[in-house]
Each structure stands twice: as structure tokens, then as C-alpha cells.
Amino acid sequence: MAIQIFGNSKSFDTKKAERWFAERRIPVQVVNLKDKGISNGELDSVISCLAKACGSRMDAIEELIDKNAKEYASIAYLEDSAKAQKLLDNPMLLKQPIVRNGKTAATVGYCPEVWEGWK
């Protein structure tokens, strides 16, 4: 199981996610969005995983957008086709944490009930 946690060290939910996996001795790779961001391939993989649950890619992208972010207005009124690129340009607009289990599953936010099934 290859778990990646995308988040920010100041995000309480990211810290809770890291602690949840650490308590179960599950190794994770933590990616600080503020420092490293998220690559195009990683974002596309997360969107694809979420689209299976949400129904469409656009619904998955909307799920990823943090509506409480300071710069939310910069993405709120963009055309749907431009929103994924804006998330790549400004990863702090992503809701945190994004937890990815390989290329097959991903969650947004603190979701221990889903992660329990990944064991």
C-alpha cells in the first residue's frame, strides 16, 4: 500500500490524517503543498479516482476546491475547463488533506472510515 498525503503542515486535518496512519504503523509519503505543490499527473490521478465516486471529472474538481481558501474568488468564476490548471498554479486552493492510495483510490478531507477499508 503506497499512501501519499498532500497537505500543509498548518492544516489540522492534514495533521490528523498523518497521526491516523502513524497510529496504525502505515507508512506514508507526505507532500507539502505549500513547498512542492502537486504535479499534473498526480492531480489527474486524484481527479480520476474522485470522478468514479462523484460521477464526473467536473464534480471531482469541484470537490477538490477549498471554498474557504483566501483566494477562492480567483477560481470561483473561472470556466470549468480552466479550474484544473488554476489548481496546479495555486495548490493552496486545494481542500486538504488529499490522501491517495496508489492510483486506485483517493479521498479529500479527513476520511478515516474510507482509509479503514484500504488495509
PDB file of N, CA and C in Angstrom:
ATOM      1  N   MET A   1       0.847  -1.171   0.000  1.00  0.00           N
ATOM      2  CA  MET A   1       0.000   0.000   0.000  1.00  0.00           C
ATOM      3  C   MET A   1       0.895   1.236   0.000  1.00  0.00           C
ATOM      4  N   ALA A   2       0.777   2.085  -1.028  1.00  0.00           N
ATOM      5  CA  ALA A   2       1.570   3.306  -1.148  1.00  0.00           C
ATOM      6  C   ALA A   2       0.661   4.504  -0.888  1.00  0.00           C
ATOM      7  N   ILE A   3       0.707   5.024   0.329  1.00  0.00           N
ATOM      8  CA  ILE A   3      -0.164   6.132   0.730  1.00  0.00           C
ATOM      9  C   ILE A   3       0.600   7.446   0.595  1.00  0.00           C
ATOM     10  N   GLN A   4      -0.034   8.417  -0.049  1.00  0.00           N
ATOM     11  CA  GLN A   4       0.504   9.763  -0.129  1.00  0.00           C
ATOM     12  C   GLN A   4      -0.496  10.714   0.516  1.00  0.00           C
ATOM     13  N   ILE A   5       0.012  11.641   1.322  1.00  0.00           N
ATOM     14  CA  ILE A   5      -0.828  12.674   1.921  1.00  0.00           C
ATOM     15  C   ILE A   5      -0.352  14.014   1.388  1.00  0.00           C
ATOM     16  N   PHE A   6      -1.229  14.694   0.664  1.00  0.00           N
ATOM     17  CA  PHE A   6      -0.940  16.032   0.165  1.00  0.00           C
ATOM     18  C   PHE A   6      -1.628  17.016   1.104  1.00  0.00           C
ATOM     19  N   GLY A   7      -0.849  17.919   1.673  1.00  0.00           N
ATOM     20  CA  GLY A   7      -1.429  18.877   2.592  1.00  0.00           C
ATOM     21  C   GLY A   7      -0.418  19.932   2.977  1.00  0.00           C
ATOM     22  N   ASN A   8      -0.746  20.624   4.049  1.00  0.00           N
ATOM     23  CA  ASN A   8       0.085  21.703   4.551  1.00  0.00           C
ATOM     24  C   ASN A   8       0.310  21.456   6.029  1.00  0.00           C
ATOM     25  N   SER A   9       1.480  21.762   6.507  1.00  0.00           N
ATOM     26  CA  SER A   9       1.788  21.497   7.915  1.00  0.00           C
ATOM     27  C   SER A   9       0.931  22.316   8.875  1.00  0.00           C
ATOM     28  N   LYS A  10       0.273  23.356   8.387  1.00  0.00           N
ATOM     29  CA  LYS A  10      -0.599  24.161   9.242  1.00  0.00           C
ATOM     30  C   LYS A  10      -2.060  23.686   9.227  1.00  0.00           C
ATOM     31  N   SER A  11      -2.366  22.720   8.403  1.00  0.00           N
ATOM     32  CA  SER A  11      -3.732  22.197   8.298  1.00  0.00           C
ATOM     33  C   SER A  11      -3.981  21.155   9.393  1.00  0.00           C
ATOM     34  N   PHE A  12      -4.979  21.404  10.230  1.00  0.00           N
ATOM     35  CA  PHE A  12      -5.291  20.470  11.313  1.00  0.00           C
ATOM     36  C   PHE A  12      -5.731  19.120  10.782  1.00  0.00           C
ATOM     37  N   ASP A  13      -6.524  19.100   9.701  1.00  0.00           N
ATOM     38  CA  ASP A  13      -6.964  17.825   9.140  1.00  0.00           C
ATOM     39  C   ASP A  13      -5.802  17.033   8.551  1.00  0.00           C
ATOM     40  N   THR A  14      -4.819  17.724   8.003  1.00  0.00           N
ATOM     41  CA  THR A  14      -3.630  17.039   7.488  1.00  0.00           C
ATOM     42  C   THR A  14      -2.868  16.395   8.636  1.00  0.00           C
ATOM     43  N   LYS A  15      -2.712  17.118   9.729  1.00  0.00           N
ATOM     44  CA  LYS A  15      -2.033  16.558  10.900  1.00  0.00           C
ATOM     45  C   LYS A  15      -2.795  15.356  11.448  1.00  0.00           C
ATOM     46  N   LYS A  16      -4.134  15.446  11.481  1.00  0.00           N
ATOM     47  CA  LYS A  16      -4.937  14.316  11.964  1.00  0.00           C
ATOM     48  C   LYS A  16      -4.769  13.106  11.058  1.00  0.00           C
ATOM     49  N   ALA A  17      -4.716  13.331   9.754  1.00  0.00           N
ATOM     50  CA  ALA A  17      -4.532  12.225   8.806  1.00  0.00           C
ATOM     51  C   ALA A  17      -3.163  11.560   9.019  1.00  0.00           C
ATOM     52  N   GLU A  18      -2.129  12.373   9.167  1.00  0.00           N
ATOM     53  CA  GLU A  18      -0.797  11.826   9.408  1.00  0.00           C
ATOM     54  C   GLU A  18      -0.779  11.002  10.690  1.00  0.00           C
ATOM     55  N   ARG A  19      -1.415  11.510  11.724  1.00  0.00           N
ATOM     56  CA  ARG A  19      -1.467  10.807  13.011  1.00  0.00           C
ATOM     57  C   ARG A  19      -2.255   9.503  12.877  1.00  0.00           C
ATOM     58  N   TRP A  20      -3.364   9.517  12.118  1.00  0.00           N
ATOM     59  CA  TRP A  20      -4.197   8.322  11.945  1.00  0.00           C
ATOM     60  C   TRP A  20      -3.368   7.193  11.338  1.00  0.00           C
ATOM     61  N   PHE A  21      -2.604   7.490  10.287  1.00  0.00           N
ATOM     62  CA  PHE A  21      -1.785   6.463   9.645  1.00  0.00           C
ATOM     63  C   PHE A  21      -0.618   6.056  10.537  1.00  0.00           C
ATOM     64  N   ALA A  22      -0.025   7.006  11.251  1.00  0.00           N
ATOM     65  CA  ALA A  22       1.105   6.694  12.144  1.00  0.00           C
ATOM     66  C   ALA A  22       0.669   5.772  13.272  1.00  0.00           C
ATOM     67  N   GLU A  23      -0.523   5.984  13.824  1.00  0.00           N
ATOM     68  CA  GLU A  23      -1.028   5.132  14.898  1.00  0.00           C
ATOM     69  C   GLU A  23      -1.211   3.698  14.437  1.00  0.00           C
ATOM     70  N   ARG A  24      -1.460   3.504  13.169  1.00  0.00           N
ATOM     71  CA  ARG A  24      -1.657   2.162  12.619  1.00  0.00           C
ATOM     72  C   ARG A  24      -0.386   1.622  11.966  1.00  0.00           C
ATOM     73  N   ARG A  25       0.698   2.353  12.137  1.00  0.00           N
ATOM     74  CA  ARG A  25       2.004   1.992  11.591  1.00  0.00           C
ATOM     75  C   ARG A  25       1.964   1.749  10.076  1.00  0.00           C
ATOM     76  N   ILE A  26       1.214   2.596   9.399  1.00  0.00           N
ATOM     77  CA  ILE A  26       1.135   2.527   7.943  1.00  0.00           C
ATOM     78  C   ILE A  26       2.056   3.620   7.396  1.00  0.00           C
ATOM     79  N   PRO A  27       3.070   3.239   6.631  1.00  0.00           N
ATOM     80  CA  PRO A  27       3.993   4.254   6.115  1.00  0.00           C
ATOM     81  C   PRO A  27       3.313   5.152   5.083  1.00  0.00           C
ATOM     82  N   VAL A  28       3.617   6.440   5.159  1.00  0.00           N
ATOM     83  CA  VAL A  28       3.044   7.404   4.223  1.00  0.00           C
ATOM     84  C   VAL A  28       4.147   8.301   3.677  1.00  0.00           C
ATOM     85  N   GLN A  29       3.887   8.849   2.525  1.00  0.00           N
ATOM     86  CA  GLN A  29       4.733   9.895   1.961  1.00  0.00           C
ATOM     87  C   GLN A  29       3.938  11.187   2.082  1.00  0.00           C
ATOM     88  N   VAL A  30       4.492  12.173   2.775  1.00  0.00           N
ATOM     89  CA  VAL A  30       3.813  13.448   2.970  1.00  0.00           C
ATOM     90  C   VAL A  30       4.371  14.449   1.972  1.00  0.00           C
ATOM     91  N   VAL A  31       3.468  15.101   1.235  1.00  0.00           N
ATOM     92  CA  VAL A  31       3.859  16.119   0.266  1.00  0.00           C
ATOM     93  C   VAL A  31       3.276  17.445   0.741  1.00  0.00           C
ATOM     94  N   ASN A  32       4.160  18.383   1.044  1.00  0.00           N
ATOM     95  CA  ASN A  32       3.720  19.700   1.496  1.00  0.00           C
ATOM     96  C   ASN A  32       3.318  20.524   0.274  1.00  0.00           C
ATOM     97  N   LEU A  33       2.032  20.829   0.164  1.00  0.00           N
ATOM     98  CA  LEU A  33       1.537  21.559  -0.994  1.00  0.00           C
ATOM     99  C   LEU A  33       2.125  22.957  -1.096  1.00  0.00           C
ATOM    100  N   LYS A  34       2.413  23.552   0.042  1.00  0.00           N
ATOM    101  CA  LYS A  34       2.956  24.916   0.022  1.00  0.00           C
ATOM    102  C   LYS A  34       4.366  24.942  -0.561  1.00  0.00           C
ATOM    103  N   ASP A  35       5.151  23.924  -0.265  1.00  0.00           N
ATOM    104  CA  ASP A  35       6.529  23.868  -0.744  1.00  0.00           C
ATOM    105  C   ASP A  35       6.664  23.237  -2.129  1.00  0.00           C
ATOM    106  N   LYS A  36       6.030  22.098  -2.320  1.00  0.00           N
ATOM    107  CA  LYS A  36       6.234  21.317  -3.543  1.00  0.00           C
ATOM    108  C   LYS A  36       5.082  21.400  -4.527  1.00  0.00           C
ATOM    109  N   GLY A  37       3.878  21.656  -4.042  1.00  0.00           N
ATOM    110  CA  GLY A  37       2.726  21.658  -4.929  1.00  0.00           C
ATOM    111  C   GLY A  37       2.323  20.247  -5.311  1.00  0.00           C
ATOM    112  N   ILE A  38       1.578  20.140  -6.383  1.00  0.00           N
ATOM    113  CA  ILE A  38       1.123  18.840  -6.881  1.00  0.00           C
ATOM    114  C   ILE A  38       1.375  18.820  -8.382  1.00  0.00           C
ATOM    115  N   SER A  39       1.880  17.712  -8.879  1.00  0.00           N
ATOM    116  CA  SER A  39       2.190  17.637 -10.314  1.00  0.00           C
ATOM    117  C   SER A  39       0.913  17.415 -11.115  1.00  0.00           C
ATOM    118  N   ASN A  40       1.012  17.658 -12.390  1.00  0.00           N
ATOM    119  CA  ASN A  40      -0.123  17.471 -13.292  1.00  0.00           C
ATOM    120  C   ASN A  40      -0.595  16.025 -13.270  1.00  0.00           C
ATOM    121  N   GLY A  41       0.343  15.071 -13.289  1.00  0.00           N
ATOM    122  CA  GLY A  41      -0.020  13.654 -13.267  1.00  0.00           C
ATOM    123  C   GLY A  41      -0.678  13.236 -11.966  1.00  0.00           C
ATOM    124  N   GLU A  42      -0.170  13.749 -10.843  1.00  0.00           N
ATOM    125  CA  GLU A  42      -0.760  13.431  -9.541  1.00  0.00           C
ATOM    126  C   GLU A  42      -2.167  13.987  -9.441  1.00  0.00           C
ATOM    127  N   LEU A  43      -2.356  15.242  -9.868  1.00  0.00           N
ATOM    128  CA  LEU A  43      -3.684  15.848  -9.820  1.00  0.00           C
ATOM    129  C   LEU A  43      -4.651  15.094 -10.723  1.00  0.00           C
ATOM    130  N   ASP A  44      -4.197  14.715 -11.907  1.00  0.00           N
ATOM    131  CA  ASP A  44      -5.047  13.969 -12.831  1.00  0.00           C
ATOM    132  C   ASP A  44      -5.451  12.619 -12.247  1.00  0.00           C
ATOM    133  N   SER A  45      -4.513  11.960 -11.566  1.00  0.00           N
ATOM    134  CA  SER A  45      -4.797  10.680 -10.921  1.00  0.00           C
ATOM    135  C   SER A  45      -5.840  10.849  -9.814  1.00  0.00           C
ATOM    136  N   VAL A  46      -5.694  11.884  -9.008  1.00  0.00           N
ATOM    137  CA  VAL A  46      -6.656  12.147  -7.932  1.00  0.00           C
ATOM    138  C   VAL A  46      -8.034  12.456  -8.509  1.00  0.00           C
ATOM    139  N   ILE A  47      -8.080  13.291  -9.546  1.00  0.00           N
ATOM    140  CA  ILE A  47      -9.360  13.641 -10.174  1.00  0.00           C
ATOM    141  C   ILE A  47     -10.031  12.393 -10.736  1.00  0.00           C
ATOM    142  N   SER A  48      -9.258  11.512 -11.385  1.00  0.00           N
ATOM    143  CA  SER A  48      -9.819  10.274 -11.943  1.00  0.00           C
ATOM    144  C   SER A  48     -10.410   9.390 -10.854  1.00  0.00           C
ATOM    145  N   CYS A  49      -9.695   9.268  -9.731  1.00  0.00           N
ATOM    146  CA  CYS A  49     -10.203   8.450  -8.617  1.00  0.00           C
ATOM    147  C   CYS A  49     -11.483   9.043  -8.040  1.00  0.00           C
ATOM    148  N   LEU A  50     -11.494  10.353  -7.861  1.00  0.00           N
ATOM    149  CA  LEU A  50     -12.673  11.005  -7.291  1.00  0.00           C
ATOM    150  C   LEU A  50     -13.847  10.992  -8.262  1.00  0.00           C
ATOM    151  N   ALA A  51     -13.562  11.046  -9.559  1.00  0.00           N
ATOM    152  CA  ALA A  51     -14.624  11.051 -10.562  1.00  0.00           C
ATOM    153  C   ALA A  51     -15.435   9.756 -10.537  1.00  0.00           C
ATOM    154  N   LYS A  52     -14.789   8.652 -10.156  1.00  0.00           N
ATOM    155  CA  LYS A  52     -15.513   7.382 -10.042  1.00  0.00           C
ATOM    156  C   LYS A  52     -16.612   7.489  -8.985  1.00  0.00           C
ATOM    157  N   ALA A  53     -16.326   8.185  -7.892  1.00  0.00           N
ATOM    158  CA  ALA A  53     -17.300   8.324  -6.805  1.00  0.00           C
ATOM    159  C   ALA A  53     -18.272   9.477  -7.050  1.00  0.00           C
ATOM    160  N   CYS A  54     -17.780  10.572  -7.644  1.00  0.00           N
ATOM    161  CA  CYS A  54     -18.606  11.776  -7.832  1.00  0.00           C
ATOM    162  C   CYS A  54     -19.487  11.697  -9.072  1.00  0.00           C
ATOM    163  N   GLY A  55     -19.049  10.964 -10.066  1.00  0.00           N
ATOM    164  CA  GLY A  55     -19.842  10.847 -11.276  1.00  0.00           C
ATOM    165  C   GLY A  55     -19.212  11.492 -12.498  1.00  0.00           C
ATOM    166  N   SER A  56     -18.470  12.594 -12.315  1.00  0.00           N
ATOM    167  CA  SER A  56     -17.838  13.247 -13.459  1.00  0.00           C
ATOM    168  C   SER A  56     -16.558  13.946 -13.021  1.00  0.00           C
ATOM    169  N   ARG A  57     -15.726  14.269 -14.004  1.00  0.00           N
ATOM    170  CA  ARG A  57     -14.473  14.967 -13.706  1.00  0.00           C
ATOM    171  C   ARG A  57     -14.740  16.351 -13.125  1.00  0.00           C
ATOM    172  N   MET A  58     -15.750  17.051 -13.644  1.00  0.00           N
ATOM    173  CA  MET A  58     -16.032  18.399 -13.138  1.00  0.00           C
ATOM    174  C   MET A  58     -16.508  18.351 -11.690  1.00  0.00           C
ATOM    175  N   ASP A  59     -17.323  17.369 -11.341  1.00  0.00           N
ATOM    176  CA  ASP A  59     -17.748  17.216  -9.947  1.00  0.00           C
ATOM    177  C   ASP A  59     -16.545  16.920  -9.052  1.00  0.00           C
ATOM    178  N   ALA A  60     -15.610  16.134  -9.557  1.00  0.00           N
ATOM    179  CA  ALA A  60     -14.401  15.811  -8.791  1.00  0.00           C
ATOM    180  C   ALA A  60     -13.549  17.061  -8.576  1.00  0.00           C
ATOM    181  N   ILE A  61     -13.424  17.889  -9.609  1.00  0.00           N
ATOM    182  CA  ILE A  61     -12.651  19.130  -9.478  1.00  0.00           C
ATOM    183  C   ILE A  61     -13.319  20.059  -8.474  1.00  0.00           C
ATOM    184  N   GLU A  62     -14.630  20.169  -8.520  1.00  0.00           N
ATOM    185  CA  GLU A  62     -15.361  20.999  -7.556  1.00  0.00           C
ATOM    186  C   GLU A  62     -15.158  20.489  -6.133  1.00  0.00           C
ATOM    187  N   GLU A  63     -15.084  19.172  -5.977  1.00  0.00           N
ATOM    188  CA  GLU A  63     -14.848  18.560  -4.668  1.00  0.00           C
ATOM    189  C   GLU A  63     -13.466  18.937  -4.130  1.00  0.00           C
ATOM    190  N   LEU A  64     -12.509  19.114  -5.023  1.00  0.00           N
ATOM    191  CA  LEU A  64     -11.138  19.428  -4.624  1.00  0.00           C
ATOM    192  C   LEU A  64     -10.939  20.892  -4.221  1.00  0.00           C
ATOM    193  N   ILE A  65     -11.812  21.772  -4.655  1.00  0.00           N
ATOM    194  CA  ILE A  65     -11.633  23.206  -4.401  1.00  0.00           C
ATOM    195  C   ILE A  65     -12.040  23.545  -2.974  1.00  0.00           C
ATOM    196  N   ASP A  66     -11.138  24.229  -2.270  1.00  0.00           N
ATOM    197  CA  ASP A  66     -11.408  24.684  -0.903  1.00  0.00           C
ATOM    198  C   ASP A  66     -12.155  26.013  -0.967  1.00  0.00           C
ATOM    199  N   LYS A  67     -13.439  25.963  -0.679  1.00  0.00           N
ATOM    200  CA  LYS A  67     -14.274  27.161  -0.780  1.00  0.00           C
ATOM    201  C   LYS A  67     -14.003  28.156   0.347  1.00  0.00           C
ATOM    202  N   ASN A  68     -13.210  27.752   1.348  1.00  0.00           N
ATOM    203  CA  ASN A  68     -12.842  28.644   2.451  1.00  0.00           C
ATOM    204  C   ASN A  68     -11.453  29.256   2.265  1.00  0.00           C
ATOM    205  N   ALA A  69     -10.797  28.956   1.164  1.00  0.00           N
ATOM    206  CA  ALA A  69      -9.452  29.488   0.915  1.00  0.00           C
ATOM    207  C   ALA A  69      -9.509  30.992   0.693  1.00  0.00           C
ATOM    208  N   LYS A  70      -8.433  31.653   1.072  1.00  0.00           N
ATOM    209  CA  LYS A  70      -8.363  33.113   0.930  1.00  0.00           C
ATOM    210  C   LYS A  70      -8.546  33.550  -0.517  1.00  0.00           C
ATOM    211  N   GLU A  71      -8.001  32.773  -1.435  1.00  0.00           N
ATOM    212  CA  GLU A  71      -8.025  33.145  -2.844  1.00  0.00           C
ATOM    213  C   GLU A  71      -9.120  32.417  -3.632  1.00  0.00           C
ATOM    214  N   TYR A  72     -10.176  32.002  -2.948  1.00  0.00           N
ATOM    215  CA  TYR A  72     -11.251  31.254  -3.611  1.00  0.00           C
ATOM    216  C   TYR A  72     -11.860  32.048  -4.760  1.00  0.00           C
ATOM    217  N   ALA A  73     -11.958  33.366  -4.612  1.00  0.00           N
ATOM    218  CA  ALA A  73     -12.564  34.196  -5.657  1.00  0.00           C
ATOM    219  C   ALA A  73     -11.812  34.081  -6.982  1.00  0.00           C
ATOM    220  N   SER A  74     -10.519  33.751  -6.917  1.00  0.00           N
ATOM    221  CA  SER A  74      -9.733  33.637  -8.145  1.00  0.00           C
ATOM    222  C   SER A  74     -10.098  32.409  -8.979  1.00  0.00           C
ATOM    223  N   ILE A  75     -10.803  31.466  -8.382  1.00  0.00           N
ATOM    224  CA  ILE A  75     -11.180  30.252  -9.116  1.00  0.00           C
ATOM    225  C   ILE A  75     -12.693  30.110  -9.252  1.00  0.00           C
ATOM    226  N   ALA A  76     -13.439  30.784  -8.413  1.00  0.00           N
ATOM    227  CA  ALA A  76     -14.893  30.597  -8.350  1.00  0.00           C
ATOM    228  C   ALA A  76     -15.596  30.903  -9.667  1.00  0.00           C
ATOM    229  N   TYR A  77     -15.132  31.897 -10.383  1.00  0.00           N
ATOM    230  CA  TYR A  77     -15.842  32.328 -11.589  1.00  0.00           C
ATOM    231  C   TYR A  77     -15.132  31.946 -12.881  1.00  0.00           C
ATOM    232  N   LEU A  78     -14.143  31.088 -12.777  1.00  0.00           N
ATOM    233  CA  LEU A  78     -13.470  30.599 -13.978  1.00  0.00           C
ATOM    234  C   LEU A  78     -14.348  29.602 -14.716  1.00  0.00           C
ATOM    235  N   GLU A  79     -14.097  29.468 -16.008  1.00  0.00           N
ATOM    236  CA  GLU A  79     -14.769  28.424 -16.772  1.00  0.00           C
ATOM    237  C   GLU A  79     -14.294  27.075 -16.253  1.00  0.00           C
ATOM    238  N   ASP A  80     -15.143  26.083 -16.357  1.00  0.00           N
ATOM    239  CA  ASP A  80     -14.819  24.752 -15.842  1.00  0.00           C
ATOM    240  C   ASP A  80     -13.507  24.221 -16.406  1.00  0.00           C
ATOM    241  N   SER A  81     -13.248  24.480 -17.670  1.00  0.00           N
ATOM    242  CA  SER A  81     -12.044  23.947 -18.310  1.00  0.00           C
ATOM    243  C   SER A  81     -10.763  24.551 -17.739  1.00  0.00           C
ATOM    244  N   ALA A  82     -10.834  25.712 -17.104  1.00  0.00           N
ATOM    245  CA  ALA A  82      -9.639  26.385 -16.582  1.00  0.00           C
ATOM    246  C   ALA A  82      -9.372  26.090 -15.105  1.00  0.00           C
ATOM    247  N   LYS A  83     -10.321  25.464 -14.426  1.00  0.00           N
ATOM    248  CA  LYS A  83     -10.187  25.264 -12.982  1.00  0.00           C
ATOM    249  C   LYS A  83      -9.061  24.307 -12.605  1.00  0.00           C
ATOM    250  N   ALA A  84      -8.873  23.229 -13.342  1.00  0.00           N
ATOM    251  CA  ALA A  84      -7.802  22.272 -13.025  1.00  0.00           C
ATOM    252  C   ALA A  84      -6.442  22.940 -13.164  1.00  0.00           C
ATOM    253  N   GLN A  85      -6.264  23.759 -14.195  1.00  0.00           N
ATOM    254  CA  GLN A  85      -4.991  24.466 -14.363  1.00  0.00           C
ATOM    255  C   GLN A  85      -4.765  25.455 -13.230  1.00  0.00           C
ATOM    256  N   LYS A  86      -5.817  26.110 -12.766  1.00  0.00           N
ATOM    257  CA  LYS A  86      -5.687  27.057 -11.653  1.00  0.00           C
ATOM    258  C   LYS A  86      -5.268  26.322 -10.377  1.00  0.00           C
ATOM    259  N   LEU A  87      -5.784  25.104 -10.168  1.00  0.00           N
ATOM    260  CA  LEU A  87      -5.379  24.304  -9.011  1.00  0.00           C
ATOM    261  C   LEU A  87      -3.905  23.926  -9.094  1.00  0.00           C
ATOM    262  N   LEU A  88      -3.406  23.661 -10.293  1.00  0.00           N
ATOM    263  CA  LEU A  88      -1.981  23.371 -10.465  1.00  0.00           C
ATOM    264  C   LEU A  88      -1.133  24.609 -10.184  1.00  0.00           C
ATOM    265  N   ASP A  89      -1.622  25.758 -10.639  1.00  0.00           N
ATOM    266  CA  ASP A  89      -0.879  27.010 -10.453  1.00  0.00           C
ATOM    267  C   ASP A  89      -0.874  27.458  -8.997  1.00  0.00           C
ATOM    268  N   ASN A  90      -1.967  27.196  -8.283  1.00  0.00           N
ATOM    269  CA  ASN A  90      -2.084  27.618  -6.882  1.00  0.00           C
ATOM    270  C   ASN A  90      -2.606  26.447  -6.049  1.00  0.00           C
ATOM    271  N   PRO A  91      -1.728  25.532  -5.613  1.00  0.00           N
ATOM    272  CA  PRO A  91      -2.173  24.337  -4.897  1.00  0.00           C
ATOM    273  C   PRO A  91      -2.808  24.627  -3.528  1.00  0.00           C
ATOM    274  N   MET A  92      -2.665  25.851  -3.016  1.00  0.00           N
ATOM    275  CA  MET A  92      -3.289  26.179  -1.733  1.00  0.00           C
ATOM    276  C   MET A  92      -4.804  26.350  -1.883  1.00  0.00           C
ATOM    277  N   LEU A  93      -5.319  26.281  -3.107  1.00  0.00           N
ATOM    278  CA  LEU A  93      -6.763  26.289  -3.342  1.00  0.00           C
ATOM    279  C   LEU A  93      -7.370  24.898  -3.178  1.00  0.00           C
ATOM    280  N   LEU A  94      -6.515  23.887  -3.013  1.00  0.00           N
ATOM    281  CA  LEU A  94      -6.990  22.515  -2.837  1.00  0.00           C
ATOM    282  C   LEU A  94      -7.459  22.285  -1.409  1.00  0.00           C
ATOM    283  N   LYS A  95      -8.569  21.584  -1.277  1.00  0.00           N
ATOM    284  CA  LYS A  95      -9.031  21.164   0.047  1.00  0.00           C
ATOM    285  C   LYS A  95      -8.034  20.141   0.578  1.00  0.00           C
ATOM    286  N   GLN A  96      -7.752  20.202   1.874  1.00  0.00           N
ATOM    287  CA  GLN A  96      -6.713  19.343   2.452  1.00  0.00           C
ATOM    288  C   GLN A  96      -7.255  18.503   3.588  1.00  0.00           C
ATOM    289  N   PRO A  97      -6.700  17.348   3.818  1.00  0.00           N
ATOM    290  CA  PRO A  97      -5.664  16.688   3.038  1.00  0.00           C
ATOM    291  C   PRO A  97      -6.252  15.926   1.858  1.00  0.00           C
ATOM    292  N   ILE A  98      -5.428  15.709   0.869  1.00  0.00           N
ATOM    293  CA  ILE A  98      -5.758  14.779  -0.210  1.00  0.00           C
ATOM    294  C   ILE A  98      -4.937  13.535   0.099  1.00  0.00           C
ATOM    295  N   VAL A  99      -5.608  12.416   0.278  1.00  0.00           N
ATOM    296  CA  VAL A  99      -4.925  11.164   0.601  1.00  0.00           C
ATOM    297  C   VAL A  99      -5.136  10.216  -0.577  1.00  0.00           C
ATOM    298  N   ARG A 100      -4.020   9.722  -1.111  1.00  0.00           N
ATOM    299  CA  ARG A 100      -4.081   8.867  -2.298  1.00  0.00           C
ATOM    300  C   ARG A 100      -3.475   7.515  -1.984  1.00  0.00           C
ATOM    301  N   ASN A 101      -4.175   6.468  -2.354  1.00  0.00           N
ATOM    302  CA  ASN A 101      -3.708   5.097  -2.207  1.00  0.00           C
ATOM    303  C   ASN A 101      -3.344   4.589  -3.596  1.00  0.00           C
ATOM    304  N   GLY A 102      -2.083   4.753  -3.948  1.00  0.00           N
ATOM    305  CA  GLY A 102      -1.652   4.363  -5.287  1.00  0.00           C
ATOM    306  C   GLY A 102      -2.411   5.146  -6.336  1.00  0.00           C
ATOM    307  N   LYS A 103      -2.778   4.492  -7.405  1.00  0.00           N
ATOM    308  CA  LYS A 103      -3.537   5.149  -8.464  1.00  0.00           C
ATOM    309  C   LYS A 103      -4.990   4.685  -8.476  1.00  0.00           C
ATOM    310  N   THR A 104      -5.383   3.955  -7.429  1.00  0.00           N
ATOM    311  CA  THR A 104      -6.719   3.359  -7.441  1.00  0.00           C
ATOM    312  C   THR A 104      -7.741   4.061  -6.577  1.00  0.00           C
ATOM    313  N   ALA A 105      -7.305   4.786  -5.548  1.00  0.00           N
ATOM    314  CA  ALA A 105      -8.255   5.412  -4.628  1.00  0.00           C
ATOM    315  C   ALA A 105      -7.692   6.714  -4.089  1.00  0.00           C
ATOM    316  N   ALA A 106      -8.598   7.655  -3.831  1.00  0.00           N
ATOM    317  CA  ALA A 106      -8.199   8.937  -3.250  1.00  0.00           C
ATOM    318  C   ALA A 106      -9.370   9.515  -2.465  1.00  0.00           C
ATOM    319  N   THR A 107      -9.033  10.291  -1.441  1.00  0.00           N
ATOM    320  CA  THR A 107     -10.052  10.980  -0.651  1.00  0.00           C
ATOM    321  C   THR A 107      -9.637  12.439  -0.483  1.00  0.00           C
ATOM    322  N   VAL A 108     -10.625  13.270  -0.183  1.00  0.00           N
ATOM    323  CA  VAL A 108     -10.385  14.676   0.099  1.00  0.00           C
ATOM    324  C   VAL A 108     -10.941  14.951   1.486  1.00  0.00           C
ATOM    325  N   GLY A 109     -10.110  15.514   2.355  1.00  0.00           N
ATOM    326  CA  GLY A 109     -10.525  15.772   3.726  1.00  0.00           C
ATOM    327  C   GLY A 109     -10.165  14.596   4.624  1.00  0.00           C
ATOM    328  N   TYR A 110     -10.594  14.698   5.870  1.00  0.00           N
ATOM    329  CA  TYR A 110     -10.304  13.664   6.865  1.00  0.00           C
ATOM    330  C   TYR A 110     -11.366  12.575   6.748  1.00  0.00           C
ATOM    331  N   CYS A 111     -10.998  11.390   6.260  1.00  0.00           N
ATOM    332  CA  CYS A 111     -11.943  10.304   5.959  1.00  0.00           C
ATOM    333  C   CYS A 111     -11.469   8.960   6.501  1.00  0.00           C
ATOM    334  N   PRO A 112     -11.329   8.800   7.823  1.00  0.00           N
ATOM    335  CA  PRO A 112     -10.808   7.530   8.345  1.00  0.00           C
ATOM    336  C   PRO A 112     -11.686   6.334   8.028  1.00  0.00           C
ATOM    337  N   GLU A 113     -12.990   6.542   7.847  1.00  0.00           N
ATOM    338  CA  GLU A 113     -13.873   5.421   7.533  1.00  0.00           C
ATOM    339  C   GLU A 113     -13.542   4.824   6.167  1.00  0.00           C
ATOM    340  N   VAL A 114     -13.066   5.628   5.234  1.00  0.00           N
ATOM    341  CA  VAL A 114     -12.647   5.136   3.917  1.00  0.00           C
ATOM    342  C   VAL A 114     -11.272   4.485   4.025  1.00  0.00           C
ATOM    343  N   TRP A 115     -10.368   5.121   4.735  1.00  0.00           N
ATOM    344  CA  TRP A 115      -8.997   4.618   4.863  1.00  0.00           C
ATOM    345  C   TRP A 115      -8.982   3.255   5.544  1.00  0.00           C
ATOM    346  N   GLU A 116      -9.919   3.015   6.445  1.00  0.00           N
ATOM    347  CA  GLU A 116     -10.007   1.730   7.138  1.00  0.00           C
ATOM    348  C   GLU A 116     -10.147   0.586   6.143  1.00  0.00           C
ATOM    349  N   GLY A 117     -10.864   0.815   5.055  1.00  0.00           N
ATOM    350  CA  GLY A 117     -11.065  -0.196   4.019  1.00  0.00           C
ATOM    351  C   GLY A 117      -9.860  -0.405   3.126  1.00  0.00           C
ATOM    352  N   TRP A 118      -8.847   0.444   3.226  1.00  0.00           N
ATOM    353  CA  TRP A 118      -7.660   0.326   2.386  1.00  0.00           C
ATOM    354  C   TRP A 118      -6.666  -0.682   2.899  1.00  0.00           C
ATOM    355  N   LYS A 119      -6.841  -1.165   4.118  1.00  0.00           N
ATOM    356  CA  LYS A 119      -5.866  -2.087   4.716  1.00  0.00           C
ATOM    357  C   LYS A 119      -5.816  -3.404   3.992  1.00  0.00           C
TER     358      LYS A 119
END
